Protein backbone atom coordinates (compact mmCIF):
# COMPACT_ATOMS: atom_id res chain seq x y z
CA MET A 1 -0.11 -0.01 0.00
CA ASP A 2 1.15 3.41 -0.82
CA ASN A 3 1.19 5.31 2.42
CA LYS A 4 2.71 8.37 1.05
CA VAL A 5 -0.09 9.68 -1.72
CA ASN A 6 3.21 11.94 -3.46
CA GLN A 7 4.16 13.91 -0.23
CA LYS A 8 7.97 14.46 0.53
CA PHE A 9 8.93 13.36 3.76
CA GLU A 10 11.77 14.60 6.52
CA TYR A 11 12.92 11.79 8.33
CA ILE A 12 13.49 13.12 12.63
CA SER A 13 13.62 11.48 15.90
CA SER A 14 11.09 11.72 18.54
CA ASP A 15 13.22 14.32 19.96
CA SER A 16 13.13 16.58 17.53
CA LEU A 17 11.82 20.12 17.42
CA ILE A 18 9.78 21.65 13.85
CA ASP A 19 8.26 25.10 12.97
CA ILE A 20 5.38 26.00 15.80
CA GLU A 21 3.73 27.86 12.79
CA SER A 22 3.74 25.21 10.47
CA ASN A 23 0.54 22.54 9.46
CA PHE A 24 2.43 19.34 10.21
CA LYS A 25 1.52 15.62 9.41
CA VAL A 26 3.62 13.37 11.08
CA GLU A 27 3.46 9.50 10.22
CA ALA A 28 5.38 6.85 12.30
CA GLY A 29 5.38 3.28 13.34
CA PRO A 30 4.57 1.57 16.73
CA GLY A 31 7.33 2.56 19.46
CA ALA A 32 8.22 5.29 17.85
CA GLY A 33 7.46 7.99 20.53
CA LYS A 34 4.43 9.50 18.23
CA THR A 35 3.11 10.93 21.48
CA THR A 36 6.16 11.85 23.31
CA TRP A 37 7.42 13.58 19.91
CA LEU A 38 3.64 15.35 20.26
CA VAL A 39 3.64 16.24 23.62
CA ASN A 40 7.54 17.75 23.34
CA HIS A 41 6.03 20.09 20.04
CA ILE A 42 3.29 20.95 22.51
CA LYS A 43 5.33 22.13 25.03
CA ASN A 44 7.55 24.24 22.47
CA VAL A 45 4.50 26.07 21.12
CA LEU A 46 3.31 26.86 25.02
CA ASN A 47 7.15 28.37 24.84
CA LYS A 48 7.44 30.25 22.22
CA SER A 49 3.88 31.19 20.70
CA ALA A 50 3.21 34.24 20.80
CA ARG A 51 -0.70 33.40 19.89
CA LEU A 52 -1.66 31.84 23.40
CA LYS A 53 -3.52 33.77 25.97
CA LYS A 54 -6.09 32.91 28.93
CA SER A 55 -8.85 32.46 26.43
CA ARG A 56 -6.69 31.29 23.89
CA LYS A 57 -5.62 27.33 24.52
CA ILE A 58 -3.81 24.47 22.46
CA ALA A 59 -6.58 21.52 21.50
CA CYS A 60 -4.59 18.15 21.65
CA ILE A 61 -7.30 15.34 20.55
CA THR A 62 -6.67 11.34 20.69
CA TYR A 63 -8.58 8.37 19.76
CA THR A 64 -9.13 6.71 22.73
CA LYS A 65 -9.57 7.93 26.45
CA VAL A 66 -6.35 5.92 27.63
CA GLY A 67 -4.22 7.91 25.26
CA VAL A 68 -5.71 10.96 26.69
CA LYS A 69 -5.10 9.95 29.99
CA SER A 70 -1.20 9.17 28.81
CA ILE A 71 -1.01 12.43 27.28
CA ILE A 72 -2.33 14.49 30.32
CA ASN A 73 0.51 12.33 32.53
CA LYS A 74 3.10 13.13 29.94
CA LEU A 75 2.27 17.35 29.98
CA LYS A 76 2.11 17.68 33.52
CA ASP A 77 2.94 21.01 34.55
CA THR A 78 1.66 22.20 31.91
CA GLY A 79 -0.85 24.55 33.31
CA ASP A 80 -4.36 24.74 31.57
CA GLN A 81 -3.49 26.27 28.73
CA VAL A 82 -3.98 22.70 26.93
CA GLU A 83 -6.97 21.09 26.16
CA VAL A 84 -6.67 16.86 25.72
CA GLY A 85 -9.57 15.22 25.20
CA THR A 86 -11.66 12.40 22.35
CA ILE A 87 -12.78 14.38 18.78
CA HIS A 88 -16.42 13.24 20.30
CA SER A 89 -15.85 15.06 23.64
CA PHE A 90 -14.16 17.93 22.04
CA LEU A 91 -16.96 18.48 19.43
CA TYR A 92 -19.86 18.04 22.07
CA ARG A 93 -18.43 20.78 24.52
CA HIS A 94 -17.27 23.12 21.93
CA ILE A 95 -20.03 22.83 19.25
CA VAL A 96 -23.19 20.78 20.18
CA LYS A 97 -24.10 21.69 23.95
CA PRO A 98 -23.59 25.73 23.47
CA TYR A 99 -25.00 25.54 19.56
CA ILE A 100 -27.70 22.67 19.40
CA HIS A 101 -30.56 24.88 20.26
CA LEU A 102 -29.54 26.40 16.75
CA ILE A 103 -31.18 23.21 14.90
CA LYS A 104 -33.09 21.77 17.50
CA ASP A 105 -36.31 21.95 15.90
CA ASP A 106 -35.27 21.09 12.59
CA TYR A 107 -34.63 17.27 14.52
CA ASP A 108 -37.00 17.34 17.64
CA LEU A 109 -34.17 17.40 19.88
CA ASN A 110 -35.43 17.97 23.87
CA ILE A 111 -31.97 19.69 24.73
CA GLU A 112 -32.90 20.11 27.74
CA GLU A 113 -32.11 16.62 28.71
CA LEU A 114 -29.15 15.87 26.66
CA SER A 115 -26.88 12.38 27.23
CA VAL A 116 -24.22 11.00 25.11
CA ASN A 117 -23.58 6.90 24.66
CA ASP A 118 -20.75 5.70 23.46
CA GLU A 119 -22.76 3.00 21.13
CA ASN A 120 -26.43 2.72 19.53
CA VAL A 121 -28.73 2.10 22.42
CA PHE A 122 -32.15 0.16 21.59
CA SER A 123 -35.43 0.44 22.97
CA TYR A 124 -37.95 -2.27 21.76
CA ARG A 125 -40.72 0.55 22.44
CA LYS A 126 -39.38 2.75 20.50
CA MET A 127 -38.83 0.61 17.77
CA ILE A 128 -42.55 -0.06 17.83
CA ALA A 129 -43.07 3.83 17.94
CA TRP A 130 -41.69 4.14 14.98
CA ILE A 131 -43.24 0.62 12.52
CA LYS A 132 -46.48 2.63 13.31
CA ASP A 133 -44.64 5.87 12.64
CA GLY A 134 -43.94 4.38 8.91
CA GLY A 135 -41.29 2.45 9.45
CA HIS A 136 -43.04 -0.46 8.15
CA LYS A 137 -42.23 0.60 4.88
CA LEU A 138 -38.67 -1.43 5.35
CA HIS A 139 -40.80 -4.26 4.76
CA TYR A 140 -37.32 -6.36 4.30
CA LEU A 141 -36.09 -5.37 7.32
CA LEU A 142 -39.08 -6.72 9.56
CA ALA A 143 -39.01 -10.45 8.73
CA ASP A 144 -38.76 -10.39 12.66
CA CYS A 145 -38.52 -8.32 15.39
CA LYS A 146 -34.34 -9.59 16.05
CA LEU A 147 -33.42 -9.17 12.62
CA THR A 148 -35.31 -5.48 12.86
CA GLN A 149 -33.65 -4.82 16.09
CA GLN A 150 -30.13 -5.79 14.91
CA ASN A 151 -30.78 -3.39 11.57
CA LEU A 152 -31.36 -0.37 13.90
CA VAL A 153 -28.55 -0.53 16.16
CA ASN A 154 -26.49 -0.88 13.05
CA LEU A 155 -27.13 2.51 12.07
CA TYR A 156 -24.18 4.91 11.34
CA TRP A 157 -23.80 8.20 9.76
CA LYS A 158 -21.81 8.34 6.37
CA LEU A 159 -20.38 11.40 4.86
CA GLU A 160 -21.17 10.89 1.44
CA GLY A 161 -20.29 14.55 -0.99
CA ASP A 162 -20.96 17.31 1.37
CA LYS A 163 -24.04 15.22 3.70
CA CYS A 164 -24.22 12.84 5.96
CA VAL A 165 -26.61 9.96 5.36
CA LEU A 166 -27.76 7.30 7.51
CA LYS A 167 -26.39 3.47 6.51
CA VAL A 168 -26.93 -0.10 7.82
CA ARG A 169 -23.44 -1.68 8.63
CA LYS A 170 -23.38 -5.38 8.07
CA HIS A 171 -24.14 -7.31 11.25
CA ALA A 172 -24.23 -11.26 11.94
CA ASN A 173 -28.01 -12.37 10.29
CA TYR A 174 -27.51 -9.61 7.92
CA ASN A 175 -29.38 -11.14 4.20
CA LYS A 176 -26.40 -10.66 1.22
CA LYS A 177 -29.23 -10.04 -1.66
CA TYR A 178 -29.90 -6.60 0.73
CA TYR A 179 -26.30 -5.38 1.14
CA ILE A 180 -23.81 -4.04 -1.03
CA LYS A 181 -19.63 -3.98 0.12
CA GLU A 182 -17.99 -0.57 -0.20
CA LYS A 183 -14.26 -1.11 0.54
CA GLU A 184 -14.14 -2.75 3.63
CA MET A 185 -18.00 -2.05 4.87
CA TYR A 186 -20.88 -3.95 3.92
CA PHE A 187 -24.07 -1.13 4.04
CA ILE A 188 -27.86 -2.21 2.92
CA ARG A 189 -28.90 -1.66 -0.28
CA ASP A 190 -31.15 1.62 -1.39
CA TYR A 191 -30.46 3.40 1.83
CA SER A 192 -31.01 6.67 -0.33
CA ARG A 193 -34.39 5.84 -0.51
CA HIS A 194 -35.13 5.43 3.23
CA GLN A 195 -33.16 8.25 5.05
CA LYS A 196 -36.47 9.62 6.46
CA ASP A 197 -37.67 6.18 7.81
CA TYR A 198 -34.00 6.23 9.48
CA LEU A 199 -34.18 9.67 10.99
CA LYS A 200 -37.66 8.82 12.12
CA TYR A 201 -36.03 6.02 13.88
CA LYS A 202 -33.25 8.34 15.58
CA LYS A 203 -36.06 11.36 16.32
CA GLN A 204 -37.52 8.70 18.21
CA TYR A 205 -34.38 8.81 20.87
CA TRP A 206 -33.29 12.68 20.27
CA LYS A 207 -36.91 13.96 21.51
CA ASP A 208 -35.68 11.88 24.98
CA GLY A 209 -32.39 13.85 24.08
CA MET A 210 -30.47 11.00 24.03
CA LEU A 211 -27.33 10.83 21.40
CA THR A 212 -24.72 8.53 20.17
CA TYR A 213 -21.36 9.40 19.31
CA ASP A 214 -21.84 9.13 15.87
CA ASP A 215 -24.85 11.75 16.45
CA VAL A 216 -22.28 13.87 17.69
CA LEU A 217 -20.09 14.15 14.95
CA PHE A 218 -23.33 14.59 12.66
CA PHE A 219 -24.80 17.38 14.66
CA SER A 220 -20.96 18.71 14.57
CA TYR A 221 -20.90 18.96 11.44
CA GLU A 222 -24.35 20.07 10.36
CA LEU A 223 -23.93 22.68 12.83
CA ILE A 224 -20.79 24.10 10.94
CA LYS A 225 -22.38 23.85 7.66
CA LYS A 226 -25.21 25.72 8.34
CA HIS A 227 -23.65 28.11 11.11
CA PRO A 228 -19.97 28.82 9.32
CA GLU A 229 -19.29 31.38 12.16
CA ILE A 230 -19.15 28.44 14.58
CA LEU A 231 -15.87 27.89 13.31
CA ARG A 232 -14.69 31.11 13.44
CA ILE A 233 -14.96 31.51 17.48
CA LEU A 234 -12.91 27.84 17.66
CA ARG A 235 -10.84 29.53 15.68
CA SER A 236 -10.73 32.01 17.62
CA LYS A 237 -9.94 29.52 21.04
CA PHE A 238 -7.76 27.19 19.55
CA PRO A 239 -5.08 28.53 17.53
CA TYR A 240 -3.30 25.30 17.59
CA PHE A 241 -5.28 22.24 16.73
CA PHE A 242 -3.18 18.99 16.83
CA ILE A 243 -4.81 15.55 16.68
CA ASP A 244 -2.83 12.14 17.41
CA GLU A 245 -3.85 8.04 16.42
CA PHE A 246 -5.66 10.43 12.99
CA GLN A 247 -5.53 7.05 10.93
CA ASP A 248 -8.72 6.02 13.52
CA THR A 249 -10.55 9.30 11.73
CA ASN A 250 -13.47 8.94 9.47
CA PRO A 251 -14.70 11.34 6.47
CA ILE A 252 -16.90 13.54 8.79
CA GLN A 253 -14.31 14.23 11.44
CA THR A 254 -11.42 14.56 8.91
CA GLU A 255 -13.70 17.26 7.09
CA ILE A 256 -14.57 19.08 10.38
CA ILE A 257 -10.36 19.33 11.11
CA LYS A 258 -9.85 20.18 7.14
CA LEU A 259 -12.29 23.34 7.85
CA LEU A 260 -10.98 24.16 10.86
CA GLY A 261 -7.85 24.14 9.30
CA LYS A 262 -8.76 26.38 6.40
CA GLU A 263 -7.57 29.65 8.51
CA GLU A 264 -5.66 30.75 11.17
CA THR A 265 -5.69 27.60 13.38
CA ILE A 266 -2.40 25.34 12.78
CA VAL A 267 -3.44 22.01 12.17
CA GLY A 268 -1.03 18.98 12.94
CA ILE A 269 -1.78 15.26 12.32
CA ILE A 270 0.19 12.36 13.87
CA GLY A 271 -0.57 8.59 13.00
CA ASP A 272 0.51 4.91 11.49
CA TRP A 273 -1.82 3.73 8.05
CA ALA A 274 -0.80 0.86 9.10
CA GLN A 275 -2.49 0.85 12.70
CA SER A 276 -6.12 1.73 11.37
CA ILE A 277 -8.03 -1.08 13.31
CA TYR A 278 -11.39 1.04 13.23
CA GLY A 279 -12.71 0.28 9.82
CA PHE A 280 -16.15 -1.18 11.58
CA GLN A 281 -16.80 2.13 13.13
CA GLY A 282 -16.04 4.23 10.33
CA ALA A 283 -12.51 5.23 9.86
CA ASP A 284 -10.77 4.87 6.64
CA VAL A 285 -7.15 4.41 6.13
CA THR A 286 -6.80 6.53 3.72
CA GLN A 287 -8.26 9.84 5.44
CA PHE A 288 -4.67 9.89 6.98
CA GLN A 289 -2.91 8.53 3.91
CA LYS A 290 -4.47 11.61 1.86
CA PHE A 291 -4.68 14.32 4.49
CA SER A 292 -2.82 17.61 3.50
CA LEU A 293 -3.21 20.82 3.89
CA GLY A 294 -1.31 24.40 2.46
CA ASP A 295 2.28 25.04 4.04
CA MET A 296 1.95 21.53 5.29
CA LYS A 297 5.51 20.01 6.87
CA TYR A 298 5.46 15.63 6.20
CA CYS A 299 7.62 13.87 8.84
CA GLU A 300 8.72 10.49 9.32
CA ILE A 301 10.11 8.60 12.58
CA LYS A 302 11.53 5.40 11.71
CA ASP A 303 12.50 4.63 14.79
CA ASN A 304 11.10 2.05 17.44
CA ARG A 305 12.17 2.62 21.12
CA ARG A 306 9.58 0.20 22.41
CA SER A 307 10.50 -3.49 21.69
CA THR A 308 13.23 -5.53 21.70
CA ARG A 309 15.39 -6.05 17.94
CA GLN A 310 13.64 -9.90 18.03
CA ILE A 311 10.18 -8.11 18.57
CA ILE A 312 10.88 -5.56 15.71
CA ASN A 313 12.02 -8.63 13.48
CA ILE A 314 9.03 -9.44 13.09
CA LEU A 315 7.04 -6.39 13.25
CA ASN A 316 9.35 -5.98 9.81
CA ILE A 317 8.68 -9.43 8.31
CA ILE A 318 5.01 -8.21 8.90
CA ARG A 319 5.40 -4.77 7.35
CA GLY A 320 7.00 -4.25 4.12
CA ASP A 321 7.29 -0.30 3.68
CA LEU A 322 9.06 0.26 6.95
CA ASN A 323 12.04 -0.74 8.06
CA GLN A 324 12.21 -0.08 12.29
CA LYS A 325 15.15 -0.15 14.10
CA SER A 326 15.83 -0.46 18.16
CA PRO A 327 18.08 3.23 18.67
CA GLU A 328 18.86 1.44 22.02
CA ASN A 329 19.59 -1.86 20.11
CA LYS A 330 17.32 -3.85 23.02
CA ILE A 331 18.32 -7.33 23.19
CA GLY A 332 15.72 -10.04 24.39
CA ASP A 333 14.74 -13.55 23.69
CA GLU A 334 12.63 -14.95 20.61
CA PRO A 335 9.47 -14.48 20.58
CA TYR A 336 7.12 -18.26 21.00
CA ILE A 337 4.37 -19.84 18.92
CA ILE A 338 2.65 -22.13 21.27
CA ILE A 339 0.42 -23.90 20.01
CA GLY A 340 -2.82 -25.70 21.89
CA ASN A 341 -5.60 -24.56 24.03
CA GLN A 342 -5.64 -20.72 24.63
CA LEU A 343 -5.16 -21.20 28.61
CA ASN A 344 -2.68 -23.87 28.45
CA SER A 345 -1.11 -21.81 26.49
CA TYR A 346 -1.02 -18.48 28.50
CA LYS A 347 0.07 -20.97 31.63
CA LYS A 348 2.87 -22.37 29.32
CA ALA A 349 4.05 -19.08 28.67
CA LYS A 350 3.59 -18.04 32.56
CA LYS A 351 6.43 -20.93 33.02
CA ILE A 352 8.60 -19.99 30.08
CA LEU A 353 8.36 -16.16 31.65
CA ASN A 354 9.80 -17.81 34.87
CA ASP A 355 8.59 -14.91 37.31
CA LYS A 356 5.18 -15.10 38.92
CA SER A 357 5.77 -11.22 39.88
CA LYS A 358 5.60 -10.45 35.85
CA ASN A 359 2.43 -10.04 34.44
CA LEU A 360 1.04 -11.77 31.29
CA TYR A 361 -1.16 -9.80 29.21
CA SER A 362 -3.07 -11.73 27.02
CA LEU A 363 -4.86 -9.98 23.30
CA SER A 364 -7.54 -11.15 21.28
CA TYR A 365 -9.85 -10.49 18.47
CA ALA A 366 -12.77 -10.80 20.05
CA ASP A 367 -14.36 -9.54 23.48
CA ILE A 368 -16.13 -13.68 23.71
CA THR A 369 -12.18 -14.37 23.76
CA SER A 370 -10.79 -11.91 26.26
CA ASN A 371 -13.85 -12.56 28.49
CA GLU A 372 -13.45 -16.27 28.14
CA MET A 373 -9.73 -15.49 29.34
CA LYS A 374 -10.65 -13.91 32.24
CA LEU A 375 -12.97 -16.66 33.71
CA ASN A 376 -10.76 -19.30 33.01
CA SER A 377 -7.87 -17.59 34.78
CA LYS A 378 -10.23 -17.40 38.13
CA GLU A 379 -10.57 -21.31 37.29
CA ILE A 380 -14.41 -20.71 36.35
CA LYS A 381 -15.61 -23.62 33.48
CA VAL A 382 -17.19 -21.85 30.58
CA ASP A 383 -19.69 -24.46 28.37
CA GLU A 384 -18.48 -24.24 25.03
CA SER A 385 -21.97 -24.27 23.81
CA VAL A 386 -22.63 -20.61 25.39
CA LEU A 387 -19.43 -19.21 23.59
CA ARG A 388 -21.86 -19.92 20.22
CA ASN A 389 -25.17 -17.31 21.17
CA ASP A 390 -25.25 -14.12 21.67
CA ILE A 391 -26.64 -14.42 25.70
CA VAL A 392 -27.11 -10.55 26.47
CA ASN A 393 -28.93 -10.13 23.14
CA GLU A 394 -30.99 -13.53 23.85
CA ILE A 395 -32.30 -12.32 27.15
CA ILE A 396 -33.01 -8.63 25.66
CA ASN A 397 -34.75 -9.99 22.61
CA GLU A 398 -36.90 -13.02 24.86
CA GLU A 399 -39.33 -10.61 26.55
CA SER A 400 -40.37 -7.26 26.23
CA GLY A 401 -40.22 -4.99 29.39
CA ASN A 402 -37.84 -3.94 31.15
CA ARG A 403 -36.78 -6.53 33.44
CA PRO A 404 -34.04 -8.19 30.95
CA LYS A 405 -32.43 -4.61 30.26
CA GLN A 406 -32.73 -4.01 34.58
CA ILE A 407 -30.74 -7.35 34.63
CA VAL A 408 -27.78 -6.72 32.09
CA ARG A 409 -27.18 -3.33 33.31
CA VAL A 410 -26.68 -4.77 36.50
CA ILE A 411 -24.58 -7.81 35.41
CA LYS A 412 -22.61 -4.75 33.60
CA ALA A 413 -22.16 -2.45 36.69
CA ILE A 414 -20.63 -5.28 38.55
CA GLU A 415 -18.06 -6.05 36.04
CA TYR A 416 -17.00 -2.25 35.58
CA ALA A 417 -16.51 -2.29 39.57
CA ARG A 418 -14.53 -5.63 39.32
CA GLN A 419 -12.34 -3.90 36.43
CA ASN A 420 -12.34 -1.27 39.04
CA ASN A 421 -13.80 1.38 36.50
CA PHE A 422 -16.16 2.77 38.96
CA ASN A 423 -17.65 5.83 37.03
CA GLU A 424 -18.97 3.05 34.19
CA ALA A 425 -20.08 1.02 37.28
CA VAL A 426 -22.30 3.68 39.04
CA LYS A 427 -23.78 5.30 36.13
CA ASN A 428 -24.73 1.74 34.74
CA MET A 429 -26.04 0.95 38.53
CA THR A 430 -27.92 4.22 38.72
CA ARG A 431 -29.72 3.69 35.01
CA VAL A 432 -30.82 0.76 36.88
CA TYR A 433 -33.04 2.89 39.34
CA GLY A 434 -34.33 5.85 37.33
CA ALA A 435 -33.03 9.11 36.24
CA GLU A 436 -28.35 8.85 36.12
CA LYS A 437 -28.25 12.60 37.75
CA ASP A 438 -30.91 12.09 40.03
CA LYS A 439 -28.83 12.14 43.71
CA GLU A 440 -31.27 9.27 45.43
CA ASN A 441 -30.80 6.86 42.62
CA ILE A 442 -26.45 7.32 42.47
CA LYS A 443 -26.89 6.46 46.24
CA LYS A 444 -28.50 3.80 45.72
CA ALA A 445 -26.74 2.28 43.06
CA LEU A 446 -23.85 2.83 45.63
CA ILE A 447 -25.36 0.15 48.36
CA ALA A 448 -26.26 -2.18 46.04
CA LEU A 449 -22.92 -2.53 44.25
CA ASN A 450 -21.10 -2.60 47.30
CA ASN A 451 -23.32 -5.32 48.58
CA LEU A 452 -23.18 -7.37 45.32
CA LEU A 453 -19.79 -6.59 44.97
CA SER A 454 -19.29 -8.10 48.42
CA THR A 455 -21.14 -11.46 47.95
CA TYR A 456 -20.11 -12.00 44.12
CA ASP A 457 -18.50 -15.44 45.26
CA LYS A 458 -22.27 -16.86 46.27
CA PHE A 459 -23.86 -15.82 43.40
CA LYS A 460 -21.23 -16.11 40.14
CA ASN A 461 -21.90 -19.51 39.68
CA SER A 462 -26.08 -19.16 40.17
CA SER A 463 -28.56 -19.21 37.20
CA ILE A 464 -30.24 -15.98 36.23
CA THR A 465 -33.85 -16.79 38.04
CA GLU A 466 -31.44 -17.32 41.14
CA PHE A 467 -29.60 -13.87 40.46
CA HIS A 468 -32.30 -12.20 39.69
CA ASN A 469 -34.11 -12.87 42.97
CA LYS A 470 -31.07 -11.83 45.22
CA LEU A 471 -31.65 -8.28 43.02
CA LYS A 472 -34.97 -8.22 43.94
CA ASN A 473 -35.16 -9.54 48.20
CA ASN A 474 -31.66 -7.99 49.02
CA ILE A 475 -31.14 -5.08 46.96
CA LYS A 476 -34.86 -4.06 46.54
CA LEU A 477 -34.73 -3.17 42.83
CA ASP A 478 -38.10 -2.86 42.14
CA ILE A 479 -38.08 -5.35 39.24
CA LYS A 480 -40.46 -7.58 37.66
CA LYS A 481 -41.02 -11.32 39.00
CA ILE A 482 -39.91 -14.41 37.29
CA SER A 483 -42.92 -16.32 37.43
CA LYS A 484 -43.53 -19.75 35.92
CA GLY A 485 -43.47 -21.16 32.11
CA ARG A 486 -40.86 -20.26 29.20
CA ILE A 487 -39.25 -17.45 30.62
CA LYS A 488 -38.81 -19.03 33.85
CA THR A 489 -36.88 -21.85 31.93
CA PHE A 490 -34.82 -19.71 29.96
CA TYR A 491 -33.71 -17.76 32.48
CA ASP A 492 -33.17 -21.19 34.73
CA SER A 493 -31.06 -22.56 31.71
CA ILE A 494 -28.32 -19.37 31.40
CA LYS A 495 -26.04 -18.28 34.43
CA TYR A 496 -24.24 -15.69 35.47
CA THR A 497 -21.08 -16.30 34.44
CA ASP A 498 -22.63 -17.22 30.48
CA VAL A 499 -23.91 -13.47 30.30
CA VAL A 500 -20.47 -12.05 31.81
CA LEU A 501 -18.72 -14.08 28.62
CA TRP A 502 -21.05 -11.87 26.33
CA ILE A 503 -20.78 -8.22 28.04
CA LYS A 504 -18.59 -5.85 26.25
CA ILE A 505 -16.02 -3.18 28.81
CA ASN A 506 -15.32 -0.34 27.09
CA GLU A 507 -12.67 0.54 28.99
CA ASP A 508 -10.59 -2.82 30.44
CA ASN A 509 -7.65 -3.19 32.46
CA SER A 510 -7.09 -6.05 33.00
CA LEU A 511 -4.99 -8.79 32.32
CA HIS A 512 -7.11 -10.08 29.15
CA ARG A 513 -8.54 -7.35 26.42
CA THR A 514 -9.21 -7.05 23.20
CA ILE A 515 -6.82 -6.07 21.10
CA HIS A 516 -8.77 -2.58 20.04
CA LYS A 517 -9.06 -1.64 23.87
CA SER A 518 -5.32 -2.56 24.07
CA LYS A 519 -4.51 0.40 21.53
CA GLY A 520 -2.64 3.15 22.74
CA ASP A 521 -1.19 0.67 25.65
CA GLU A 522 2.05 -1.11 25.80
CA PHE A 523 3.43 -4.23 27.76
CA ASP A 524 6.49 -5.74 28.83
CA ASN A 525 4.81 -9.39 28.12
CA VAL A 526 2.06 -9.96 25.41
CA MET A 527 0.18 -13.12 24.36
CA VAL A 528 -1.51 -12.65 21.17
CA ILE A 529 -4.87 -15.23 21.03
CA VAL A 530 -4.72 -15.81 17.02
CA LYS A 531 -8.41 -17.44 16.87
CA SER A 532 -10.98 -17.15 13.98
CA LYS A 533 -14.29 -16.06 14.93
CA ILE A 534 -16.48 -17.79 17.15
CA ASP A 535 -18.55 -19.27 14.09
CA LYS A 536 -15.48 -20.49 11.72
CA GLU A 537 -13.11 -23.73 11.97
CA PHE A 538 -9.62 -22.16 12.71
CA ASN A 539 -7.89 -21.87 9.65
CA GLU A 540 -4.25 -21.50 10.11
CA ASP A 541 -3.58 -19.94 6.41
CA GLU A 542 -6.27 -17.51 6.57
CA ASP A 543 -5.79 -16.93 10.17
CA LEU A 544 -2.42 -16.36 10.59
CA ALA A 545 -1.99 -14.77 6.97
CA PHE A 546 -0.14 -11.72 8.61
CA LEU A 547 3.21 -14.12 9.07
CA LEU A 548 2.88 -16.29 6.23
CA ASN A 549 1.31 -13.95 3.09
CA PRO A 550 1.52 -10.19 5.08
CA ASP A 551 -1.01 -7.35 3.79
CA LEU A 552 -1.49 -4.47 5.26
CA SER A 553 -4.44 -3.98 3.17
CA GLN A 554 -6.35 -6.19 5.01
CA GLU A 555 -7.83 -4.51 8.76
CA ASN A 556 -7.88 -8.37 10.05
CA GLN A 557 -3.71 -8.27 9.04
CA ARG A 558 -4.01 -4.74 10.94
CA VAL A 559 -5.15 -5.64 13.86
CA TYR A 560 -3.12 -8.24 14.49
CA TYR A 561 0.33 -6.35 13.63
CA VAL A 562 -0.84 -3.41 16.44
CA ALA A 563 -1.52 -6.28 18.79
CA VAL A 564 2.25 -7.83 18.44
CA SER A 565 3.35 -4.47 18.15
CA ARG A 566 2.41 -4.06 22.02
CA ALA A 567 4.94 -6.01 23.38
CA LYS A 568 8.33 -4.44 24.83
CA LYS A 569 10.24 -7.04 25.65
CA ASN A 570 8.87 -10.67 25.37
CA LEU A 571 5.99 -11.98 22.66
CA PHE A 572 4.12 -15.19 22.62
CA ILE A 573 1.42 -15.90 20.04
CA ASN A 574 -1.16 -18.55 20.33
CA VAL A 575 -2.61 -20.82 17.69
CA PRO A 576 -4.83 -23.60 18.22
CA GLU A 577 -2.90 -25.93 15.36
CA LEU A 578 -0.15 -25.59 13.40
CA SER A 579 1.39 -28.04 10.28
CA SER A 580 5.23 -28.80 10.16
CA GLU A 581 5.45 -26.88 6.80
CA ASN A 582 4.10 -23.40 8.44
CA ALA A 583 6.01 -24.23 11.76
CA LYS A 584 9.48 -24.64 9.48
CA LYS A 585 8.28 -21.52 8.23
CA LEU A 586 7.89 -19.54 11.69
CA LYS A 587 11.09 -21.15 12.86
CA ASN A 588 13.05 -19.30 10.32
CA CYS A 589 11.50 -16.14 10.76
CA GLY A 590 12.96 -16.28 14.28
CA PHE A 591 10.01 -17.98 16.47
CA ASN A 592 10.42 -20.80 19.12
CA VAL A 593 7.87 -23.49 18.29
CA VAL A 594 6.73 -25.20 20.94
CA TYR A 595 3.45 -27.50 21.77
CA VAL A 596 1.38 -27.46 24.69
């Protein structure tokens, strides 16, 4: 893949300083010190710029909350002249919240009750209201309610020309005849004919003030297009606008940044096309490759200061356009391919490390795999059949009403708390009691969480029926009784841990994470779990293609490239099986190959 797009790059190090009054684009591979360079550049701007005042700041944007924390920690004593945040938090704070009243009547927005969720929240009641209001026109979506739900929760804003349109992403139960492929994403056909219908569904939520991160992008774009004076205000507040991890942006974000950089504001972007792994969320790798502004300086950092020479050699095999070196020439052990069951392989890797104090992080493609590792590491047995069906969706779809949502939210709150993410834990628990900002509900949530965490061992292996009874009797949750019949039989058949397997934790601080949730982080010791999708048998030629036949134009290969690059000292790659021929190839690449 040609990542330079006719742009002339200057080679720099992570310690280099460049002109503070030039737009810039810095491209650098994993471990190059991109964030360190950005922090140094920000400090240089703070020291030299005459354009910063009390009311004028540097905006520093990164893709994840992990990245935000990292930059804030590195900036330390720089005062309050730098605003660090994600693109969604920045746009909400500076565009949506102060100016949404300008267009609220166009979209039936309740601006008094605004709240933002990171993903689409499904409401059966709202779906029914939407169908009655014309949603039935989408006849092919209504084969059954479950299919309709899956389409609606996969609604997605996409920039086409200068307009944002609603599309439906491909999902697990999509029907091929209704979908077309665009680059690495699938969308439902004839979407343009149904924009009004999709919009009506969105308005069901907007009437309650409920926005998604995706909606924040849409409204930000709409506002600055209809009211360009907002851009002038932003430029006056932020004469410098720097974006880390730019390869993860989508076209709407890119267009907003380009509009911002047309006048006065200095724009700087940092990223690596080979680490673009959020295509399923609308990120477009070409946005970084093609991005250009007037008077733009193009720079590249080739070093890898993170990993040992042995790990860098593997990264260079995977990637053809960049040959990284270790400036400090860090020497370590050869990486391992461990063949066998993922839990046994993890134990084998721990044994190889030969130091119980050393943390070993497992990184996997799917939430289900990382959750399985969490449970297995606590010696909680997982029923293989449970890995095939999304239990959370089954619970929510099994019956209408509030009960299934309450059960799932409580479980989510407990598991967030067990990851020490108490902010999300309290938020989810409070929702169970009613209004999120109500002080009395927050108090109830805190008491309930404390009770549930202290008795966790007593219910972790119980059925959902038993867990439900605990919620009703022990923490006095106002939840509908489970009576006899089909629903009781259903809840009797599901264990608490079955549901935990399918809970998605947005910010995961555990030893067992998805690759996407490890982005922006680094670890001394890493085990990458290579496993095909749950509904497919492992195919080593396909699933190990990132090592055997590298092609980083494929996003699934870029995901594993990111995973491998998280390792600083020791790297293990786990596969369920491996042919002798491919074992020989990998040995020649520099791997130790062991079986468990």
